PDB file of all heavy atoms in Angstrom:
ATOM      1  N   GLU A   1     -50.833 -18.468  14.681  1.00  0.00           N
ATOM      2  CA  GLU A   1     -50.275 -17.962  15.954  1.00  0.00           C
ATOM      3  C   GLU A   1     -51.502 -17.512  16.936  1.00  0.00           C
ATOM      4  O   GLU A   1     -51.265 -17.282  18.145  1.00  0.00           O
ATOM      5  CB  GLU A   1     -49.509 -16.665  15.779  1.00  0.00           C
ATOM      6  CG  GLU A   1     -50.100 -15.499  14.987  1.00  0.00           C
ATOM      7  CD  GLU A   1     -50.081 -15.608  13.440  1.00  0.00           C
ATOM      8  OE1 GLU A   1     -49.828 -16.740  12.893  1.00  0.00           O
ATOM      9  OE2 GLU A   1     -50.269 -14.569  12.877  1.00  0.00           O
ATOM     10  N   ASP A   2     -52.759 -17.538  16.466  1.00  0.00           N
ATOM     11  CA  ASP A   2     -53.869 -17.212  17.329  1.00  0.00           C
ATOM     12  C   ASP A   2     -54.554 -18.470  17.884  1.00  0.00           C
ATOM     13  O   ASP A   2     -55.407 -18.264  18.766  1.00  0.00           O
ATOM     14  CB  ASP A   2     -54.930 -16.377  16.549  1.00  0.00           C
ATOM     15  CG  ASP A   2     -54.374 -15.018  16.241  1.00  0.00           C
ATOM     16  OD1 ASP A   2     -53.469 -14.504  16.867  1.00  0.00           O
ATOM     17  OD2 ASP A   2     -54.912 -14.429  15.197  1.00  0.00           O
ATOM     18  N   VAL A   3     -54.173 -19.698  17.506  1.00  0.00           N
ATOM     19  CA  VAL A   3     -54.798 -20.914  17.958  1.00  0.00           C
ATOM     20  C   VAL A   3     -54.604 -21.021  19.415  1.00  0.00           C
ATOM     21  O   VAL A   3     -55.649 -21.228  20.182  1.00  0.00           O
ATOM     22  CB  VAL A   3     -54.342 -22.103  17.280  1.00  0.00           C
ATOM     23  CG1 VAL A   3     -54.815 -23.422  17.874  1.00  0.00           C
ATOM     24  CG2 VAL A   3     -54.792 -22.156  15.800  1.00  0.00           C
ATOM     25  N   LEU A   4     -53.508 -21.025  19.906  1.00  0.00           N
ATOM     26  CA  LEU A   4     -53.116 -21.216  21.281  1.00  0.00           C
ATOM     27  C   LEU A   4     -53.813 -20.172  22.243  1.00  0.00           C
ATOM     28  O   LEU A   4     -54.555 -20.581  23.180  1.00  0.00           O
ATOM     29  CB  LEU A   4     -51.559 -21.178  21.599  1.00  0.00           C
ATOM     30  CG  LEU A   4     -51.270 -21.413  23.062  1.00  0.00           C
ATOM     31  CD1 LEU A   4     -51.750 -22.815  23.532  1.00  0.00           C
ATOM     32  CD2 LEU A   4     -49.752 -21.394  23.220  1.00  0.00           C
ATOM     33  N   PRO A   5     -53.683 -18.849  22.086  1.00  0.00           N
ATOM     34  CA  PRO A   5     -54.288 -17.893  22.909  1.00  0.00           C
ATOM     35  C   PRO A   5     -55.792 -18.076  22.809  1.00  0.00           C
ATOM     36  O   PRO A   5     -56.506 -17.894  23.908  1.00  0.00           O
ATOM     37  CB  PRO A   5     -53.878 -16.606  22.515  1.00  0.00           C
ATOM     38  CG  PRO A   5     -53.183 -16.696  21.186  1.00  0.00           C
ATOM     39  CD  PRO A   5     -52.752 -18.178  21.105  1.00  0.00           C
ATOM     40  N   GLN A   6     -56.426 -18.266  21.673  1.00  0.00           N
ATOM     41  CA  GLN A   6     -57.838 -18.305  21.580  1.00  0.00           C
ATOM     42  C   GLN A   6     -58.355 -19.684  22.359  1.00  0.00           C
ATOM     43  O   GLN A   6     -59.407 -19.535  23.060  1.00  0.00           O
ATOM     44  CB  GLN A   6     -58.392 -18.305  20.111  1.00  0.00           C
ATOM     45  CG  GLN A   6     -59.837 -18.308  20.050  1.00  0.00           C
ATOM     46  CD  GLN A   6     -60.309 -17.959  18.656  1.00  0.00           C
ATOM     47  OE1 GLN A   6     -59.614 -17.521  17.692  1.00  0.00           O
ATOM     48  NE2 GLN A   6     -61.602 -18.228  18.423  1.00  0.00           N
ATOM     49  N   VAL A   7     -57.754 -20.735  22.115  1.00  0.00           N
ATOM     50  CA  VAL A   7     -58.170 -21.963  22.886  1.00  0.00           C
ATOM     51  C   VAL A   7     -57.990 -21.817  24.371  1.00  0.00           C
ATOM     52  O   VAL A   7     -58.978 -22.156  25.078  1.00  0.00           O
ATOM     53  CB  VAL A   7     -57.362 -23.256  22.385  1.00  0.00           C
ATOM     54  CG1 VAL A   7     -57.599 -24.425  23.187  1.00  0.00           C
ATOM     55  CG2 VAL A   7     -57.743 -23.540  20.841  1.00  0.00           C
ATOM     56  N   LYS A   8     -56.932 -21.185  24.768  1.00  0.00           N
ATOM     57  CA  LYS A   8     -56.790 -21.059  26.242  1.00  0.00           C
ATOM     58  C   LYS A   8     -57.804 -20.069  26.807  1.00  0.00           C
ATOM     59  O   LYS A   8     -58.378 -20.411  27.841  1.00  0.00           O
ATOM     60  CB  LYS A   8     -55.279 -20.620  26.523  1.00  0.00           C
ATOM     61  CG  LYS A   8     -54.310 -21.657  26.267  1.00  0.00           C
ATOM     62  CD  LYS A   8     -52.913 -21.277  26.655  1.00  0.00           C
ATOM     63  CE  LYS A   8     -52.719 -21.327  28.136  1.00  0.00           C
ATOM     64  NZ  LYS A   8     -52.590 -22.715  28.741  1.00  0.00           N
ATOM     65  N   GLU A   9     -58.142 -19.080  25.994  1.00  0.00           N
ATOM     66  CA  GLU A   9     -59.198 -18.119  26.515  1.00  0.00           C
ATOM     67  C   GLU A   9     -60.562 -18.951  26.606  1.00  0.00           C
ATOM     68  O   GLU A   9     -61.323 -18.827  27.615  1.00  0.00           O
ATOM     69  CB  GLU A   9     -59.301 -16.970  25.609  1.00  0.00           C
ATOM     70  CG  GLU A   9     -60.389 -15.950  26.030  1.00  0.00           C
ATOM     71  CD  GLU A   9     -60.471 -14.798  25.113  1.00  0.00           C
ATOM     72  OE1 GLU A   9     -59.550 -14.597  24.324  1.00  0.00           O
ATOM     73  OE2 GLU A   9     -61.499 -14.186  25.245  1.00  0.00           O
ATOM     74  N   MET A  10     -60.856 -19.763  25.630  1.00  0.00           N
ATOM     75  CA  MET A  10     -62.088 -20.513  25.600  1.00  0.00           C
ATOM     76  C   MET A  10     -62.094 -21.567  26.826  1.00  0.00           C
ATOM     77  O   MET A  10     -63.111 -21.825  27.403  1.00  0.00           O
ATOM     78  CB  MET A  10     -62.316 -21.221  24.303  1.00  0.00           C
ATOM     79  CG  MET A  10     -62.547 -20.130  23.159  1.00  0.00           C
ATOM     80  SD  MET A  10     -62.480 -20.869  21.499  1.00  0.00           S
ATOM     81  CE  MET A  10     -63.683 -22.095  21.566  1.00  0.00           C
ATOM     82  N   GLN A  11     -60.879 -22.236  26.964  1.00  0.00           N
ATOM     83  CA  GLN A  11     -60.804 -23.222  28.041  1.00  0.00           C
ATOM     84  C   GLN A  11     -61.152 -22.569  29.438  1.00  0.00           C
ATOM     85  O   GLN A  11     -61.687 -23.242  30.332  1.00  0.00           O
ATOM     86  CB  GLN A  11     -59.437 -23.926  28.009  1.00  0.00           C
ATOM     87  CG  GLN A  11     -59.299 -24.864  26.924  1.00  0.00           C
ATOM     88  CD  GLN A  11     -57.961 -25.502  26.909  1.00  0.00           C
ATOM     89  OE1 GLN A  11     -56.902 -24.817  27.155  1.00  0.00           O
ATOM     90  NE2 GLN A  11     -57.880 -26.749  26.438  1.00  0.00           N
ATOM     91  N   ALA A  12     -60.818 -21.231  29.595  1.00  0.00           N
ATOM     92  CA  ALA A  12     -60.982 -20.554  30.836  1.00  0.00           C
ATOM     93  C   ALA A  12     -62.477 -20.511  31.148  1.00  0.00           C
ATOM     94  O   ALA A  12     -62.949 -20.357  32.282  1.00  0.00           O
ATOM     95  CB  ALA A  12     -60.280 -19.225  30.804  1.00  0.00           C
ATOM     96  N   SER A  13     -63.359 -20.640  30.061  1.00  0.00           N
ATOM     97  CA  SER A  13     -64.795 -20.487  30.401  1.00  0.00           C
ATOM     98  C   SER A  13     -65.463 -21.887  30.027  1.00  0.00           C
ATOM     99  O   SER A  13     -66.536 -21.941  29.776  1.00  0.00           O
ATOM    100  CB  SER A  13     -65.362 -19.407  29.467  1.00  0.00           C
ATOM    101  OG  SER A  13     -65.131 -19.604  28.115  1.00  0.00           O
ATOM    102  N   GLY A  14     -64.756 -22.918  30.131  1.00  0.00           N
ATOM    103  CA  GLY A  14     -65.305 -24.183  30.123  1.00  0.00           C
ATOM    104  C   GLY A  14     -65.116 -25.058  28.882  1.00  0.00           C
ATOM    105  O   GLY A  14     -65.659 -26.220  28.776  1.00  0.00           O
ATOM    106  N   TYR A  15     -64.523 -24.533  27.764  1.00  0.00           N
ATOM    107  CA  TYR A  15     -64.313 -25.336  26.525  1.00  0.00           C
ATOM    108  C   TYR A  15     -63.237 -26.410  26.815  1.00  0.00           C
ATOM    109  O   TYR A  15     -62.247 -26.217  27.514  1.00  0.00           O
ATOM    110  CB  TYR A  15     -63.764 -24.333  25.505  1.00  0.00           C
ATOM    111  CG  TYR A  15     -63.384 -24.918  24.097  1.00  0.00           C
ATOM    112  CD1 TYR A  15     -64.421 -25.035  23.174  1.00  0.00           C
ATOM    113  CD2 TYR A  15     -62.124 -25.277  23.706  1.00  0.00           C
ATOM    114  CE1 TYR A  15     -64.217 -25.552  21.880  1.00  0.00           C
ATOM    115  CE2 TYR A  15     -61.936 -25.646  22.445  1.00  0.00           C
ATOM    116  CZ  TYR A  15     -62.957 -25.872  21.625  1.00  0.00           C
ATOM    117  OH  TYR A  15     -62.702 -26.295  20.266  1.00  0.00           O
ATOM    118  N   ARG A  16     -63.581 -27.640  26.344  1.00  0.00           N
ATOM    119  CA  ARG A  16     -62.664 -28.727  26.472  1.00  0.00           C
ATOM    120  C   ARG A  16     -62.250 -29.179  25.044  1.00  0.00           C
ATOM    121  O   ARG A  16     -63.008 -29.266  24.130  1.00  0.00           O
ATOM    122  CB  ARG A  16     -63.364 -29.941  27.141  1.00  0.00           C
ATOM    123  CG  ARG A  16     -63.547 -29.506  28.623  1.00  0.00           C
ATOM    124  CD  ARG A  16     -64.195 -30.606  29.328  1.00  0.00           C
ATOM    125  NE  ARG A  16     -65.670 -30.513  29.328  1.00  0.00           N
ATOM    126  CZ  ARG A  16     -66.539 -31.408  29.839  1.00  0.00           C
ATOM    127  NH1 ARG A  16     -66.120 -32.567  30.517  1.00  0.00           N
ATOM    128  NH2 ARG A  16     -67.784 -31.215  29.812  1.00  0.00           N
ATOM    129  N   LEU A  17     -60.990 -29.477  24.923  1.00  0.00           N
ATOM    130  CA  LEU A  17     -60.399 -29.908  23.594  1.00  0.00           C
ATOM    131  C   LEU A  17     -59.779 -31.313  23.721  1.00  0.00           C
ATOM    132  O   LEU A  17     -59.020 -31.589  24.622  1.00  0.00           O
ATOM    133  CB  LEU A  17     -59.336 -28.889  23.111  1.00  0.00           C
ATOM    134  CG  LEU A  17     -58.660 -29.062  21.852  1.00  0.00           C
ATOM    135  CD1 LEU A  17     -59.662 -28.944  20.736  1.00  0.00           C
ATOM    136  CD2 LEU A  17     -57.479 -28.099  21.631  1.00  0.00           C
ATOM    137  N   VAL A  18     -60.255 -32.149  22.885  1.00  0.00           N
ATOM    138  CA  VAL A  18     -59.670 -33.591  22.921  1.00  0.00           C
ATOM    139  C   VAL A  18     -59.292 -33.931  21.412  1.00  0.00           C
ATOM    140  O   VAL A  18     -59.794 -33.266  20.416  1.00  0.00           O
ATOM    141  CB  VAL A  18     -60.734 -34.609  23.314  1.00  0.00           C
ATOM    142  CG1 VAL A  18     -61.161 -34.402  24.867  1.00  0.00           C
ATOM    143  CG2 VAL A  18     -62.051 -34.534  22.449  1.00  0.00           C
ATOM    144  N   TYR A  19     -58.328 -34.770  21.283  1.00  0.00           N
ATOM    145  CA  TYR A  19     -57.827 -34.988  19.962  1.00  0.00           C
ATOM    146  C   TYR A  19     -57.350 -36.539  19.930  1.00  0.00           C
ATOM    147  O   TYR A  19     -57.120 -37.268  20.929  1.00  0.00           O
ATOM    148  CB  TYR A  19     -56.769 -34.107  19.584  1.00  0.00           C
ATOM    149  CG  TYR A  19     -55.479 -34.261  20.395  1.00  0.00           C
ATOM    150  CD1 TYR A  19     -54.313 -34.787  19.915  1.00  0.00           C
ATOM    151  CD2 TYR A  19     -55.343 -33.787  21.672  1.00  0.00           C
ATOM    152  CE1 TYR A  19     -53.095 -34.912  20.624  1.00  0.00           C
ATOM    153  CE2 TYR A  19     -54.253 -33.820  22.494  1.00  0.00           C
ATOM    154  CZ  TYR A  19     -53.073 -34.356  21.981  1.00  0.00           C
ATOM    155  OH  TYR A  19     -51.989 -34.428  22.609  1.00  0.00           O
ATOM    156  N   LEU A  20     -57.140 -36.953  18.668  1.00  0.00           N
ATOM    157  CA  LEU A  20     -56.470 -38.240  18.406  1.00  0.00           C
ATOM    158  C   LEU A  20     -55.332 -38.021  17.506  1.00  0.00           C
ATOM    159  O   LEU A  20     -55.321 -37.117  16.595  1.00  0.00           O
ATOM    160  CB  LEU A  20     -57.524 -39.218  17.658  1.00  0.00           C
ATOM    161  CG  LEU A  20     -58.755 -39.651  18.465  1.00  0.00           C
ATOM    162  CD1 LEU A  20     -59.861 -40.192  17.615  1.00  0.00           C
ATOM    163  CD2 LEU A  20     -58.262 -40.725  19.440  1.00  0.00           C
ATOM    164  N   THR A  21     -54.335 -38.921  17.593  1.00  0.00           N
ATOM    165  CA  THR A  21     -53.184 -38.890  16.797  1.00  0.00           C
ATOM    166  C   THR A  21     -53.268 -39.941  15.750  1.00  0.00           C
ATOM    167  O   THR A  21     -53.980 -40.899  15.775  1.00  0.00           O
ATOM    168  CB  THR A  21     -51.915 -39.006  17.678  1.00  0.00           C
ATOM    169  OG1 THR A  21     -51.913 -40.327  18.305  1.00  0.00           O
ATOM    170  CG2 THR A  21     -51.735 -37.888  18.657  1.00  0.00           C
ATOM    171  N   ALA A  22     -52.446 -39.897  14.752  1.00  0.00           N
ATOM    172  CA  ALA A  22     -52.333 -40.822  13.670  1.00  0.00           C
ATOM    173  C   ALA A  22     -51.898 -42.161  14.141  1.00  0.00           C
ATOM    174  O   ALA A  22     -51.026 -42.250  14.986  1.00  0.00           O
ATOM    175  CB  ALA A  22     -51.431 -40.324  12.545  1.00  0.00           C
ATOM    176  N   ASP A  23     -52.540 -43.231  13.648  1.00  0.00           N
ATOM    177  CA  ASP A  23     -52.059 -44.596  14.076  1.00  0.00           C
ATOM    178  C   ASP A  23     -50.630 -44.785  13.860  1.00  0.00           C
ATOM    179  O   ASP A  23     -49.917 -45.411  14.699  1.00  0.00           O
ATOM    180  CB  ASP A  23     -52.901 -45.594  13.293  1.00  0.00           C
ATOM    181  CG  ASP A  23     -54.391 -45.583  13.655  1.00  0.00           C
ATOM    182  OD1 ASP A  23     -54.769 -45.153  14.814  1.00  0.00           O
ATOM    183  OD2 ASP A  23     -55.157 -46.089  12.797  1.00  0.00           O
ATOM    184  N   GLU A  24     -50.121 -44.326  12.639  1.00  0.00           N
ATOM    185  CA  GLU A  24     -48.691 -44.523  12.360  1.00  0.00           C
ATOM    186  C   GLU A  24     -47.713 -43.452  12.825  1.00  0.00           C
ATOM    187  O   GLU A  24     -46.449 -43.628  12.779  1.00  0.00           O
ATOM    188  CB  GLU A  24     -48.587 -44.637  10.808  1.00  0.00           C
ATOM    189  CG  GLU A  24     -48.657 -43.311  10.072  1.00  0.00           C
ATOM    190  CD  GLU A  24     -50.183 -42.727   9.931  1.00  0.00           C
ATOM    191  OE1 GLU A  24     -51.084 -43.397  10.321  1.00  0.00           O
ATOM    192  OE2 GLU A  24     -50.330 -41.696   9.347  1.00  0.00           O
ATOM    193  N   ASP A  25     -48.265 -42.412  13.415  1.00  0.00           N
ATOM    194  CA  ASP A  25     -47.404 -41.282  13.966  1.00  0.00           C
ATOM    195  C   ASP A  25     -48.063 -40.646  15.136  1.00  0.00           C
ATOM    196  O   ASP A  25     -48.824 -39.722  15.014  1.00  0.00           O
ATOM    197  CB  ASP A  25     -47.241 -40.286  12.812  1.00  0.00           C
ATOM    198  CG  ASP A  25     -46.272 -39.154  13.309  1.00  0.00           C
ATOM    199  OD1 ASP A  25     -45.741 -39.110  14.469  1.00  0.00           O
ATOM    200  OD2 ASP A  25     -46.029 -38.257  12.413  1.00  0.00           O
ATOM    201  N   PRO A  26     -47.738 -41.083  16.386  1.00  0.00           N
ATOM    202  CA  PRO A  26     -48.381 -40.582  17.577  1.00  0.00           C
ATOM    203  C   PRO A  26     -48.019 -39.107  17.886  1.00  0.00           C
ATOM    204  O   PRO A  26     -48.605 -38.536  18.831  1.00  0.00           O
ATOM    205  CB  PRO A  26     -47.939 -41.493  18.608  1.00  0.00           C
ATOM    206  CG  PRO A  26     -46.699 -42.203  18.124  1.00  0.00           C
ATOM    207  CD  PRO A  26     -46.884 -42.132  16.639  1.00  0.00           C
ATOM    208  N   SER A  27     -47.253 -38.498  17.096  1.00  0.00           N
ATOM    209  CA  SER A  27     -46.927 -37.098  17.286  1.00  0.00           C
ATOM    210  C   SER A  27     -47.808 -36.181  16.408  1.00  0.00           C
ATOM    211  O   SER A  27     -47.772 -34.977  16.507  1.00  0.00           O
ATOM    212  CB  SER A  27     -45.427 -36.797  16.960  1.00  0.00           C
ATOM    213  OG  SER A  27     -45.185 -36.903  15.643  1.00  0.00           O
ATOM    214  N   LYS A  28     -48.644 -36.743  15.508  1.00  0.00           N
ATOM    215  CA  LYS A  28     -49.441 -36.012  14.532  1.00  0.00           C
ATOM    216  C   LYS A  28     -50.921 -36.113  15.025  1.00  0.00           C
ATOM    217  O   LYS A  28     -51.498 -37.122  14.869  1.00  0.00           O
ATOM    218  CB  LYS A  28     -49.260 -36.582  13.196  1.00  0.00           C
ATOM    219  CG  LYS A  28     -49.985 -35.721  12.131  1.00  0.00           C
ATOM    220  CD  LYS A  28     -49.673 -36.322  10.699  1.00  0.00           C
ATOM    221  CE  LYS A  28     -50.509 -35.457   9.799  1.00  0.00           C
ATOM    222  NZ  LYS A  28     -50.162 -35.852   8.349  1.00  0.00           N
ATOM    223  N   ALA A  29     -51.501 -34.966  15.456  1.00  0.00           N
ATOM    224  CA  ALA A  29     -52.919 -34.917  15.750  1.00  0.00           C
ATOM    225  C   ALA A  29     -53.673 -34.936  14.376  1.00  0.00           C
ATOM    226  O   ALA A  29     -53.365 -33.960  13.525  1.00  0.00           O
ATOM    227  CB  ALA A  29     -53.140 -33.577  16.461  1.00  0.00           C
ATOM    228  N   VAL A  30     -54.552 -35.784  14.344  1.00  0.00           N
ATOM    229  CA  VAL A  30     -55.379 -35.845  13.006  1.00  0.00           C
ATOM    230  C   VAL A  30     -56.854 -35.642  13.069  1.00  0.00           C
ATOM    231  O   VAL A  30     -57.465 -35.431  12.221  1.00  0.00           O
ATOM    232  CB  VAL A  30     -55.122 -37.298  12.371  1.00  0.00           C
ATOM    233  CG1 VAL A  30     -53.605 -37.474  12.049  1.00  0.00           C
ATOM    234  CG2 VAL A  30     -55.657 -38.415  13.122  1.00  0.00           C
ATOM    235  N   ALA A  31     -57.325 -35.672  14.345  1.00  0.00           N
ATOM    236  CA  ALA A  31     -58.803 -35.273  14.622  1.00  0.00           C
ATOM    237  C   ALA A  31     -58.850 -34.642  15.974  1.00  0.00           C
ATOM    238  O   ALA A  31     -58.141 -34.868  16.821  1.00  0.00           O
ATOM    239  CB  ALA A  31     -59.570 -36.592  14.633  1.00  0.00           C
ATOM    240  N   PHE A  32     -59.836 -33.732  15.987  1.00  0.00           N
ATOM    241  CA  PHE A  32     -60.075 -33.130  17.229  1.00  0.00           C
ATOM    242  C   PHE A  32     -61.578 -32.721  17.452  1.00  0.00           C
ATOM    243  O   PHE A  32     -62.340 -32.686  16.492  1.00  0.00           O
ATOM    244  CB  PHE A  32     -59.227 -31.717  17.356  1.00  0.00           C
ATOM    245  CG  PHE A  32     -59.981 -30.518  16.906  1.00  0.00           C
ATOM    246  CD1 PHE A  32     -60.458 -29.587  17.735  1.00  0.00           C
ATOM    247  CD2 PHE A  32     -60.155 -30.372  15.475  1.00  0.00           C
ATOM    248  CE1 PHE A  32     -61.176 -28.432  17.293  1.00  0.00           C
ATOM    249  CE2 PHE A  32     -60.826 -29.152  15.023  1.00  0.00           C
ATOM    250  CZ  PHE A  32     -61.277 -28.302  15.872  1.00  0.00           C
ATOM    251  N   ALA A  33     -61.923 -32.456  18.792  1.00  0.00           N
ATOM    252  CA  ALA A  33     -63.322 -32.076  19.056  1.00  0.00           C
ATOM    253  C   ALA A  33     -63.179 -31.054  20.153  1.00  0.00           C
ATOM    254  O   ALA A  33     -62.382 -31.231  21.050  1.00  0.00           O
ATOM    255  CB  ALA A  33     -64.157 -33.281  19.401  1.00  0.00           C
ATOM    256  N   GLY A  34     -63.946 -30.053  20.148  1.00  0.00           N
ATOM    257  CA  GLY A  34     -64.080 -29.065  21.129  1.00  0.00           C
ATOM    258  C   GLY A  34     -65.566 -28.972  21.645  1.00  0.00           C
ATOM    259  O   GLY A  34     -66.432 -28.876  20.800  1.00  0.00           O
ATOM    260  N   PHE A  35     -65.661 -28.949  22.950  1.00  0.00           N
ATOM    261  CA  PHE A  35     -67.157 -29.069  23.484  1.00  0.00           C
ATOM    262  C   PHE A  35     -67.120 -28.349  24.773  1.00  0.00           C
ATOM    263  O   PHE A  35     -66.082 -28.049  25.393  1.00  0.00           O
ATOM    264  CB  PHE A  35     -67.542 -30.482  23.476  1.00  0.00           C
ATOM    265  CG  PHE A  35     -66.739 -31.322  24.385  1.00  0.00           C
ATOM    266  CD1 PHE A  35     -67.039 -31.689  25.698  1.00  0.00           C
ATOM    267  CD2 PHE A  35     -65.540 -31.946  23.905  1.00  0.00           C
ATOM    268  CE1 PHE A  35     -66.217 -32.441  26.452  1.00  0.00           C
ATOM    269  CE2 PHE A  35     -64.752 -32.728  24.689  1.00  0.00           C
ATOM    270  CZ  PHE A  35     -65.058 -33.127  26.053  1.00  0.00           C
TER     271      PHE A  35
END
């Protein structure tokens, strides 16, 4: 329950989050990077 508010707070100061979904299931995030 803390993921969304923490990521949004970090994004407000320049954090960017990118991700990839599973080849067989485009609704499933399987890898991410934050930078």
